[in-house]
PDB file of N, CA and C in Angstrom:
ATOM      1  N   UNK A   1     -18.589  19.913  13.575  1.00  0.00           N
ATOM      2  CA  UNK A   1     -18.256  19.969  12.375  1.00  0.00           C
ATOM      3  C   UNK A   1     -19.167  20.691  11.075  1.00  0.00           C
ATOM      4  N   UNK A   2     -18.442  22.002  11.005  1.00  0.00           N
ATOM      5  CA  UNK A   2     -19.129  22.913  10.044  1.00  0.00           C
ATOM      6  C   UNK A   2     -18.915  23.308   8.558  1.00  0.00           C
ATOM      7  N   UNK A   3     -19.070  23.452   7.755  1.00  0.00           N
ATOM      8  CA  UNK A   3     -18.548  23.974   6.705  1.00  0.00           C
ATOM      9  C   UNK A   3     -17.647  25.805   6.443  1.00  0.00           C
ATOM     10  N   UNK A   4     -16.258  25.723   6.481  1.00  0.00           N
ATOM     11  CA  UNK A   4     -16.110  26.855   6.061  1.00  0.00           C
ATOM     12  C   UNK A   4     -16.011  27.255   4.515  1.00  0.00           C
ATOM     13  N   UNK A   5     -16.148  28.894   4.678  1.00  0.00           N
ATOM     14  CA  UNK A   5     -15.726  29.397   3.567  1.00  0.00           C
ATOM     15  C   UNK A   5     -14.678  29.719   3.415  1.00  0.00           C
ATOM     16  N   UNK A   6     -13.838  29.610   2.185  1.00  0.00           N
ATOM     17  CA  UNK A   6     -12.523  30.074   2.223  1.00  0.00           C
ATOM     18  C   UNK A   6     -12.795  31.468   1.335  1.00  0.00           C
ATOM     19  N   UNK A   7     -11.470  31.887   1.363  1.00  0.00           N
ATOM     20  CA  UNK A   7     -11.468  32.950   0.558  1.00  0.00           C
ATOM     21  C   UNK A   7     -12.270  33.401  -0.694  1.00  0.00           C
ATOM     22  N   UNK A   8     -12.002  32.291  -1.190  1.00  0.00           N
ATOM     23  CA  UNK A   8     -12.824  32.435  -2.539  1.00  0.00           C
ATOM     24  C   UNK A   8     -14.282  31.577  -2.405  1.00  0.00           C
ATOM     25  N   UNK A   9     -14.665  31.780  -1.767  1.00  0.00           N
ATOM     26  CA  UNK A   9     -16.186  31.338  -1.371  1.00  0.00           C
ATOM     27  C   UNK A   9     -16.339  29.901  -1.888  1.00  0.00           C
ATOM     28  N   UNK A  10     -15.033  29.318  -1.384  1.00  0.00           N
ATOM     29  CA  UNK A  10     -15.441  27.304  -2.420  1.00  0.00           C
ATOM     30  C   UNK A  10     -15.650  26.934  -0.609  1.00  0.00           C
ATOM     31  N   UNK A  11     -16.670  26.216  -0.699  1.00  0.00           N
ATOM     32  CA  UNK A  11     -17.215  24.871   0.863  1.00  0.00           C
ATOM     33  C   UNK A  11     -15.657  24.782   0.792  1.00  0.00           C
ATOM     34  N   UNK A  12     -15.489  24.412   1.962  1.00  0.00           N
ATOM     35  CA  UNK A  12     -14.620  23.197   2.463  1.00  0.00           C
ATOM     36  C   UNK A  12     -15.049  23.044   3.895  1.00  0.00           C
ATOM     37  N   UNK A  13     -14.516  21.539   4.168  1.00  0.00           N
ATOM     38  CA  UNK A  13     -14.563  21.278   5.291  1.00  0.00           C
ATOM     39  C   UNK A  13     -13.119  21.144   6.178  1.00  0.00           C
ATOM     40  N   UNK A  14     -13.876  21.647   7.345  1.00  0.00           N
ATOM     41  CA  UNK A  14     -13.151  21.425   8.629  1.00  0.00           C
ATOM     42  C   UNK A  14     -12.347  20.661   8.968  1.00  0.00           C
ATOM     43  N   UNK A  15     -12.386  19.248   8.214  1.00  0.00           N
ATOM     44  CA  UNK A  15     -11.915  18.218   9.009  1.00  0.00           C
ATOM     45  C   UNK A  15     -11.104  18.128   7.921  1.00  0.00           C
ATOM     46  N   UNK A  16      -9.871  17.539   7.698  1.00  0.00           N
ATOM     47  CA  UNK A  16      -8.791  17.488   6.689  1.00  0.00           C
ATOM     48  C   UNK A  16      -9.528  15.981   5.733  1.00  0.00           C
ATOM     49  N   UNK A  17      -9.442  15.905   4.659  1.00  0.00           N
ATOM     50  CA  UNK A  17      -9.994  14.938   3.641  1.00  0.00           C
ATOM     51  C   UNK A  17      -8.863  14.199   3.909  1.00  0.00           C
ATOM     52  N   UNK A  18      -9.290  12.667   3.896  1.00  0.00           N
ATOM     53  CA  UNK A  18      -8.183  11.241   3.423  1.00  0.00           C
ATOM     54  C   UNK A  18      -7.908  11.672   2.143  1.00  0.00           C
ATOM     55  N   UNK A  19      -6.458  10.979   2.346  1.00  0.00           N
ATOM     56  CA  UNK A  19      -5.601  11.160   0.799  1.00  0.00           C
ATOM     57  C   UNK A  19      -6.109   9.927   0.250  1.00  0.00           C
ATOM     58  N   UNK A  20      -5.999  10.530  -1.292  1.00  0.00           N
ATOM     59  CA  UNK A  20      -6.558   9.484  -2.299  1.00  0.00           C
ATOM     60  C   UNK A  20      -5.647   8.241  -2.040  1.00  0.00           C
ATOM     61  N   UNK A  21      -6.522   6.841  -1.872  1.00  0.00           N
ATOM     62  CA  UNK A  21      -5.493   5.596  -2.106  1.00  0.00           C
ATOM     63  C   UNK A  21      -4.996   5.409  -3.475  1.00  0.00           C
ATOM     64  N   UNK A  22      -3.975   4.801  -3.368  1.00  0.00           N
ATOM     65  CA  UNK A  22      -2.868   5.058  -4.665  1.00  0.00           C
ATOM     66  C   UNK A  22      -2.689   3.570  -5.388  1.00  0.00           C
ATOM     67  N   UNK A  23      -3.231   2.548  -4.499  1.00  0.00           N
ATOM     68  CA  UNK A  23      -3.240   1.182  -5.138  1.00  0.00           C
ATOM     69  C   UNK A  23      -4.335   0.404  -4.542  1.00  0.00           C
ATOM     70  N   UNK A  24      -4.524  -0.395  -4.755  1.00  0.00           N
ATOM     71  CA  UNK A  24      -5.620  -1.617  -4.850  1.00  0.00           C
ATOM     72  C   UNK A  24      -5.125  -2.397  -3.855  1.00  0.00           C
ATOM     73  N   UNK A  25      -3.631  -2.961  -3.958  1.00  0.00           N
ATOM     74  CA  UNK A  25      -3.748  -4.248  -2.967  1.00  0.00           C
ATOM     75  C   UNK A  25      -2.711  -4.322  -2.047  1.00  0.00           C
ATOM     76  N   UNK A  26      -2.583  -3.134  -1.594  1.00  0.00           N
ATOM     77  CA  UNK A  26      -1.727  -2.901  -0.153  1.00  0.00           C
ATOM     78  C   UNK A  26      -2.356  -3.367   0.792  1.00  0.00           C
ATOM     79  N   UNK A  27      -3.838  -3.588   1.017  1.00  0.00           N
ATOM     80  CA  UNK A  27      -4.349  -4.374   2.019  1.00  0.00           C
ATOM     81  C   UNK A  27      -4.330  -5.651   2.502  1.00  0.00           C
ATOM     82  N   UNK A  28      -4.302  -6.449   0.807  1.00  0.00           N
ATOM     83  CA  UNK A  28      -4.148  -7.462   0.755  1.00  0.00           C
ATOM     84  C   UNK A  28      -2.658  -8.214   0.744  1.00  0.00           C
ATOM     85  N   UNK A  29      -1.549  -7.401   0.745  1.00  0.00           N
ATOM     86  CA  UNK A  29      -0.074  -7.210   0.859  1.00  0.00           C
ATOM     87  C   UNK A  29      -0.001  -7.504   2.063  1.00  0.00           C
ATOM     88  N   UNK A  30      -0.800  -6.756   2.841  1.00  0.00           N
ATOM     89  CA  UNK A  30      -0.435  -6.726   4.422  1.00  0.00           C
ATOM     90  C   UNK A  30      -1.360  -7.798   5.260  1.00  0.00           C
ATOM     91  N   UNK A  31      -2.775  -8.637   4.758  1.00  0.00           N
ATOM     92  CA  UNK A  31      -3.123  -9.692   4.916  1.00  0.00           C
ATOM     93  C   UNK A  31      -2.109 -10.633   4.526  1.00  0.00           C
ATOM     94  N   UNK A  32      -2.036 -11.492   3.363  1.00  0.00           N
ATOM     95  CA  UNK A  32      -1.330 -12.192   3.948  1.00  0.00           C
ATOM     96  C   UNK A  32       0.169 -12.552   4.650  1.00  0.00           C
ATOM     97  N   UNK A  33       1.152 -11.234   3.921  1.00  0.00           N
ATOM     98  CA  UNK A  33       2.169 -11.107   5.210  1.00  0.00           C
ATOM     99  C   UNK A  33       1.894 -11.364   6.691  1.00  0.00           C
ATOM    100  N   UNK A  34       1.030 -10.934   7.052  1.00  0.00           N
ATOM    101  CA  UNK A  34       0.430 -11.076   8.552  1.00  0.00           C
ATOM    102  C   UNK A  34       0.610 -12.518   8.217  1.00  0.00           C
ATOM    103  N   UNK A  35      -0.297 -12.849   7.730  1.00  0.00           N
ATOM    104  CA  UNK A  35      -0.905 -14.276   8.071  1.00  0.00           C
ATOM    105  C   UNK A  35      -0.230 -15.232   8.071  1.00  0.00           C
ATOM    106  N   UNK A  36       1.405 -15.146   7.202  1.00  0.00           N
ATOM    107  CA  UNK A  36       2.202 -15.836   7.311  1.00  0.00           C
ATOM    108  C   UNK A  36       3.324 -15.728   8.096  1.00  0.00           C
ATOM    109  N   UNK A  37       2.862 -14.819   9.623  1.00  0.00           N
ATOM    110  CA  UNK A  37       3.518 -14.042  10.584  1.00  0.00           C
ATOM    111  C   UNK A  37       5.121 -13.531  10.416  1.00  0.00           C
ATOM    112  N   UNK A  38       4.861 -12.940   8.975  1.00  0.00           N
ATOM    113  CA  UNK A  38       6.065 -12.366   8.947  1.00  0.00           C
ATOM    114  C   UNK A  38       5.918 -11.195   8.775  1.00  0.00           C
ATOM    115  N   UNK A  39       7.151 -10.000   9.479  1.00  0.00           N
ATOM    116  CA  UNK A  39       7.044  -8.536   9.821  1.00  0.00           C
ATOM    117  C   UNK A  39       7.362  -8.144   8.067  1.00  0.00           C
ATOM    118  N   UNK A  40       7.231  -6.824   8.287  1.00  0.00           N
ATOM    119  CA  UNK A  40       7.788  -5.580   6.921  1.00  0.00           C
ATOM    120  C   UNK A  40       8.910  -5.910   6.500  1.00  0.00           C
ATOM    121  N   UNK A  41      10.060  -5.941   7.595  1.00  0.00           N
ATOM    122  CA  UNK A  41      11.127  -5.925   7.180  1.00  0.00           C
ATOM    123  C   UNK A  41      11.556  -7.764   6.226  1.00  0.00           C
ATOM    124  N   UNK A  42      10.841  -8.521   6.859  1.00  0.00           N
ATOM    125  CA  UNK A  42      10.961 -10.319   6.788  1.00  0.00           C
ATOM    126  C   UNK A  42      10.294  -9.856   5.207  1.00  0.00           C
ATOM    127  N   UNK A  43       9.404  -9.440   4.825  1.00  0.00           N
ATOM    128  CA  UNK A  43       8.719  -9.210   3.264  1.00  0.00           C
ATOM    129  C   UNK A  43       9.838  -8.584   2.337  1.00  0.00           C
ATOM    130  N   UNK A  44      10.282  -7.817   3.135  1.00  0.00           N
ATOM    131  CA  UNK A  44      11.087  -7.007   2.337  1.00  0.00           C
ATOM    132  C   UNK A  44      12.516  -7.285   1.845  1.00  0.00           C
ATOM    133  N   UNK A  45      12.787  -8.302   2.740  1.00  0.00           N
ATOM    134  CA  UNK A  45      14.312  -9.209   2.403  1.00  0.00           C
ATOM    135  C   UNK A  45      14.118  -9.959   1.260  1.00  0.00           C
ATOM    136  N   UNK A  46      12.231 -10.693   1.387  1.00  0.00           N
ATOM    137  CA  UNK A  46      11.823 -12.137   0.225  1.00  0.00           C
ATOM    138  C   UNK A  46      12.480 -10.876  -0.762  1.00  0.00           C
ATOM    139  N   UNK A  47      11.755 -10.030  -1.145  1.00  0.00           N
ATOM    140  CA  UNK A  47      11.400  -8.939  -2.199  1.00  0.00           C
ATOM    141  C   UNK A  47      12.988  -8.668  -3.147  1.00  0.00           C
ATOM    142  N   UNK A  48      13.948  -8.705  -1.913  1.00  0.00           N
ATOM    143  CA  UNK A  48      15.193  -8.200  -2.168  1.00  0.00           C
ATOM    144  C   UNK A  48      16.071  -9.769  -2.972  1.00  0.00           C
ATOM    145  N   UNK A  49      15.684 -10.917  -2.340  1.00  0.00           N
ATOM    146  CA  UNK A  49      16.043 -11.954  -2.681  1.00  0.00           C
ATOM    147  C   UNK A  49      15.632 -11.887  -4.446  1.00  0.00           C
ATOM    148  N   UNK A  50      14.335 -11.580  -4.481  1.00  0.00           N
ATOM    149  CA  UNK A  50      14.065 -11.637  -6.236  1.00  0.00           C
ATOM    150  C   UNK A  50      15.102 -10.557  -6.507  1.00  0.00           C
ATOM    151  N   UNK A  51      15.402  -9.378  -6.743  1.00  0.00           N
ATOM    152  CA  UNK A  51      16.491  -8.273  -7.276  1.00  0.00           C
ATOM    153  C   UNK A  51      15.032  -7.240  -7.187  1.00  0.00           C
ATOM    154  N   UNK A  52      14.391  -6.525  -6.627  1.00  0.00           N
ATOM    155  CA  UNK A  52      13.789  -6.022  -5.957  1.00  0.00           C
ATOM    156  C   UNK A  52      13.995  -5.081  -4.475  1.00  0.00           C
ATOM    157  N   UNK A  53      14.722  -4.132  -4.993  1.00  0.00           N
ATOM    158  CA  UNK A  53      15.747  -3.172  -3.835  1.00  0.00           C
ATOM    159  C   UNK A  53      14.646  -2.458  -3.423  1.00  0.00           C
ATOM    160  N   UNK A  54      13.642  -2.731  -2.591  1.00  0.00           N
ATOM    161  CA  UNK A  54      12.706  -2.598  -1.418  1.00  0.00           C
ATOM    162  C   UNK A  54      12.941  -2.161  -0.260  1.00  0.00           C
ATOM    163  N   UNK A  55      12.954  -1.183   0.435  1.00  0.00           N
ATOM    164  CA  UNK A  55      13.109  -0.920   2.252  1.00  0.00           C
ATOM    165  C   UNK A  55      11.498  -1.421   2.840  1.00  0.00           C
ATOM    166  N   UNK A  56      11.942  -1.394   4.122  1.00  0.00           N
ATOM    167  CA  UNK A  56      10.459  -1.281   4.948  1.00  0.00           C
ATOM    168  C   UNK A  56       9.752  -0.494   5.075  1.00  0.00           C
ATOM    169  N   UNK A  57      10.184   0.619   5.196  1.00  0.00           N
ATOM    170  CA  UNK A  57       9.238   1.556   4.665  1.00  0.00           C
ATOM    171  C   UNK A  57       8.528   2.230   3.588  1.00  0.00           C
ATOM    172  N   UNK A  58       9.191   1.538   2.436  1.00  0.00           N
ATOM    173  CA  UNK A  58       8.417   1.601   1.119  1.00  0.00           C
ATOM    174  C   UNK A  58       7.078   0.426   1.001  1.00  0.00           C
ATOM    175  N   UNK A  59       7.642  -0.452   1.714  1.00  0.00           N
ATOM    176  CA  UNK A  59       6.872  -1.699   1.734  1.00  0.00           C
ATOM    177  C   UNK A  59       5.282  -1.095   2.544  1.00  0.00           C
ATOM    178  N   UNK A  60       5.572  -0.517   3.633  1.00  0.00           N
ATOM    179  CA  UNK A  60       4.515   0.178   4.462  1.00  0.00           C
ATOM    180  C   UNK A  60       3.940   0.565   3.878  1.00  0.00           C
ATOM    181  N   UNK A  61       4.316   2.107   3.003  1.00  0.00           N
ATOM    182  CA  UNK A  61       3.707   2.899   2.080  1.00  0.00           C
ATOM    183  C   UNK A  61       2.688   1.812   1.059  1.00  0.00           C
ATOM    184  N   UNK A  62       3.021   0.749   0.385  1.00  0.00           N
ATOM    185  CA  UNK A  62       2.542   0.227  -0.489  1.00  0.00           C
ATOM    186  C   UNK A  62       1.409  -0.217   0.405  1.00  0.00           C
ATOM    187  N   UNK A  63       1.573  -1.408   1.552  1.00  0.00           N
ATOM    188  CA  UNK A  63       0.423  -1.561   2.467  1.00  0.00           C
ATOM    189  C   UNK A  63      -0.275  -0.583   2.747  1.00  0.00           C
ATOM    190  N   UNK A  64      -0.062   0.855   3.066  1.00  0.00           N
ATOM    191  CA  UNK A  64      -1.148   2.278   3.851  1.00  0.00           C
ATOM    192  C   UNK A  64      -1.406   2.595   2.292  1.00  0.00           C
ATOM    193  N   UNK A  65      -2.047   1.995   1.179  1.00  0.00           N
ATOM    194  CA  UNK A  65      -1.946   2.168  -0.107  1.00  0.00           C
ATOM    195  C   UNK A  65      -1.426   3.907  -0.352  1.00  0.00           C
ATOM    196  N   UNK A  66      -0.556   4.528   0.273  1.00  0.00           N
ATOM    197  CA  UNK A  66       0.300   5.977  -0.205  1.00  0.00           C
ATOM    198  C   UNK A  66       1.700   5.663  -1.068  1.00  0.00           C
ATOM    199  N   UNK A  67       1.397   4.543  -1.642  1.00  0.00           N
ATOM    200  CA  UNK A  67       2.117   4.567  -2.964  1.00  0.00           C
ATOM    201  C   UNK A  67       1.749   3.768  -4.424  1.00  0.00           C
ATOM    202  N   UNK A  68       2.149   4.195  -4.819  1.00  0.00           N
ATOM    203  CA  UNK A  68       1.545   3.572  -6.340  1.00  0.00           C
ATOM    204  C   UNK A  68       2.686   2.387  -6.095  1.00  0.00           C
ATOM    205  N   UNK A  69       2.382   0.884  -7.294  1.00  0.00           N
ATOM    206  CA  UNK A  69       2.894   0.007  -7.315  1.00  0.00           C
ATOM    207  C   UNK A  69       2.714   0.011  -8.901  1.00  0.00           C
ATOM    208  N   UNK A  70       3.349  -0.709  -9.581  1.00  0.00           N
ATOM    209  CA  UNK A  70       3.924  -0.863 -10.958  1.00  0.00           C
ATOM    210  C   UNK A  70       3.257  -2.871 -11.344  1.00  0.00           C
ATOM    211  N   UNK A  71       3.057  -3.067 -12.056  1.00  0.00           N
ATOM    212  CA  UNK A  71       2.527  -4.125 -11.853  1.00  0.00           C
ATOM    213  C   UNK A  71       3.368  -5.312 -12.084  1.00  0.00           C
ATOM    214  N   UNK A  72       5.023  -4.758 -12.529  1.00  0.00           N
ATOM    215  CA  UNK A  72       5.911  -5.777 -11.816  1.00  0.00           C
ATOM    216  C   UNK A  72       6.036  -5.799 -10.684  1.00  0.00           C
ATOM    217  N   UNK A  73       5.837  -4.776  -9.644  1.00  0.00           N
ATOM    218  CA  UNK A  73       6.483  -5.098  -8.453  1.00  0.00           C
ATOM    219  C   UNK A  73       5.438  -5.782  -7.768  1.00  0.00           C
ATOM    220  N   UNK A  74       3.407  -5.796  -8.034  1.00  0.00           N
ATOM    221  CA  UNK A  74       2.132  -6.599  -7.918  1.00  0.00           C
ATOM    222  C   UNK A  74       3.244  -8.270  -8.290  1.00  0.00           C
ATOM    223  N   UNK A  75       3.870  -8.061  -9.478  1.00  0.00           N
ATOM    224  CA  UNK A  75       4.059  -9.803  -9.812  1.00  0.00           C
ATOM    225  C   UNK A  75       5.051 -10.138  -8.598  1.00  0.00           C
ATOM    226  N   UNK A  76       6.119  -9.119  -8.393  1.00  0.00           N
ATOM    227  CA  UNK A  76       7.351  -9.908  -7.226  1.00  0.00           C
ATOM    228  C   UNK A  76       6.489 -10.302  -5.683  1.00  0.00           C
ATOM    229  N   UNK A  77       5.687  -8.999  -5.548  1.00  0.00           N
ATOM    230  CA  UNK A  77       5.145  -9.293  -4.518  1.00  0.00           C
ATOM    231  C   UNK A  77       4.748 -10.608  -4.244  1.00  0.00           C
ATOM    232  N   UNK A  78       3.490 -10.623  -5.436  1.00  0.00           N
ATOM    233  CA  UNK A  78       2.941 -12.110  -4.978  1.00  0.00           C
ATOM    234  C   UNK A  78       3.630 -13.375  -5.093  1.00  0.00           C
ATOM    235  N   UNK A  79       4.643 -13.414  -5.867  1.00  0.00           N
ATOM    236  CA  UNK A  79       5.831 -14.594  -5.799  1.00  0.00           C
ATOM    237  C   UNK A  79       6.526 -14.174  -4.319  1.00  0.00           C
ATOM    238  N   UNK A  80       7.080 -13.377  -3.794  1.00  0.00           N
ATOM    239  CA  UNK A  80       7.335 -13.170  -2.469  1.00  0.00           C
ATOM    240  C   UNK A  80       6.616 -13.086  -1.459  1.00  0.00           C
ATOM    241  N   UNK A  81       5.324 -13.425  -1.196  1.00  0.00           N
ATOM    242  CA  UNK A  81       4.238 -14.386  -0.935  1.00  0.00           C
ATOM    243  C   UNK A  81       3.668 -15.644  -0.850  1.00  0.00           C
ATOM    244  N   UNK A  82       3.918 -15.867  -2.076  1.00  0.00           N
ATOM    245  CA  UNK A  82       3.744 -17.213  -2.617  1.00  0.00           C
ATOM    246  C   UNK A  82       2.405 -17.647  -2.612  1.00  0.00           C
ATOM    247  N   UNK A  83       2.001 -16.478  -3.426  1.00  0.00           N
ATOM    248  CA  UNK A  83       0.366 -16.809  -3.866  1.00  0.00           C
ATOM    249  C   UNK A  83       0.266 -16.406  -4.775  1.00  0.00           C
ATOM    250  N   UNK A  84      -1.010 -16.007  -5.816  1.00  0.00           N
ATOM    251  CA  UNK A  84      -1.635 -15.733  -7.465  1.00  0.00           C
ATOM    252  C   UNK A  84      -1.514 -14.661  -7.519  1.00  0.00           C
ATOM    253  N   UNK A  85      -1.106 -13.610  -8.729  1.00  0.00           N
ATOM    254  CA  UNK A  85      -1.675 -12.325  -8.802  1.00  0.00           C
ATOM    255  C   UNK A  85      -2.946 -12.117  -8.133  1.00  0.00           C
ATOM    256  N   UNK A  86      -3.455 -12.946  -9.141  1.00  0.00           N
ATOM    257  CA  UNK A  86      -5.109 -12.199  -8.577  1.00  0.00           C
ATOM    258  C   UNK A  86      -5.267 -11.942  -7.078  1.00  0.00           C
ATOM    259  N   UNK A  87      -4.860 -13.159  -6.621  1.00  0.00           N
ATOM    260  CA  UNK A  87      -5.054 -12.524  -5.088  1.00  0.00           C
ATOM    261  C   UNK A  87      -4.835 -11.818  -4.604  1.00  0.00           C
ATOM    262  N   UNK A  88      -4.165 -10.784  -4.801  1.00  0.00           N
ATOM    263  CA  UNK A  88      -3.802  -9.817  -4.246  1.00  0.00           C
ATOM    264  C   UNK A  88      -4.653  -8.501  -5.134  1.00  0.00           C
ATOM    265  N   UNK A  89      -5.871  -8.349  -5.605  1.00  0.00           N
ATOM    266  CA  UNK A  89      -6.840  -8.118  -5.928  1.00  0.00           C
ATOM    267  C   UNK A  89      -8.101  -8.196  -4.978  1.00  0.00           C
ATOM    268  N   UNK A  90      -8.580  -6.741  -4.231  1.00  0.00           N
ATOM    269  CA  UNK A  90      -9.731  -7.611  -3.430  1.00  0.00           C
ATOM    270  C   UNK A  90     -10.660  -7.976  -4.725  1.00  0.00           C
TER     271      UNK A  90
END
């Protein structure tokens, strides 16, 4: 792996950069979900019962830290998982 000079003389790594995390709670959401033996589809269904229309694929993006999440959504996830909001933060 070396450094490649771009046309404008800015050094760039030839290895793709890791995307920036868009939330900090995703790994904890996945931890609590899997520790309960739930699938993403099951957690999404529990969120839907709380009037949050979320799909399995959106939940997957949250867990992978690829989607931003609002304070209200964090509160709904905590409620759906039966955990305190503070438990979702590392």
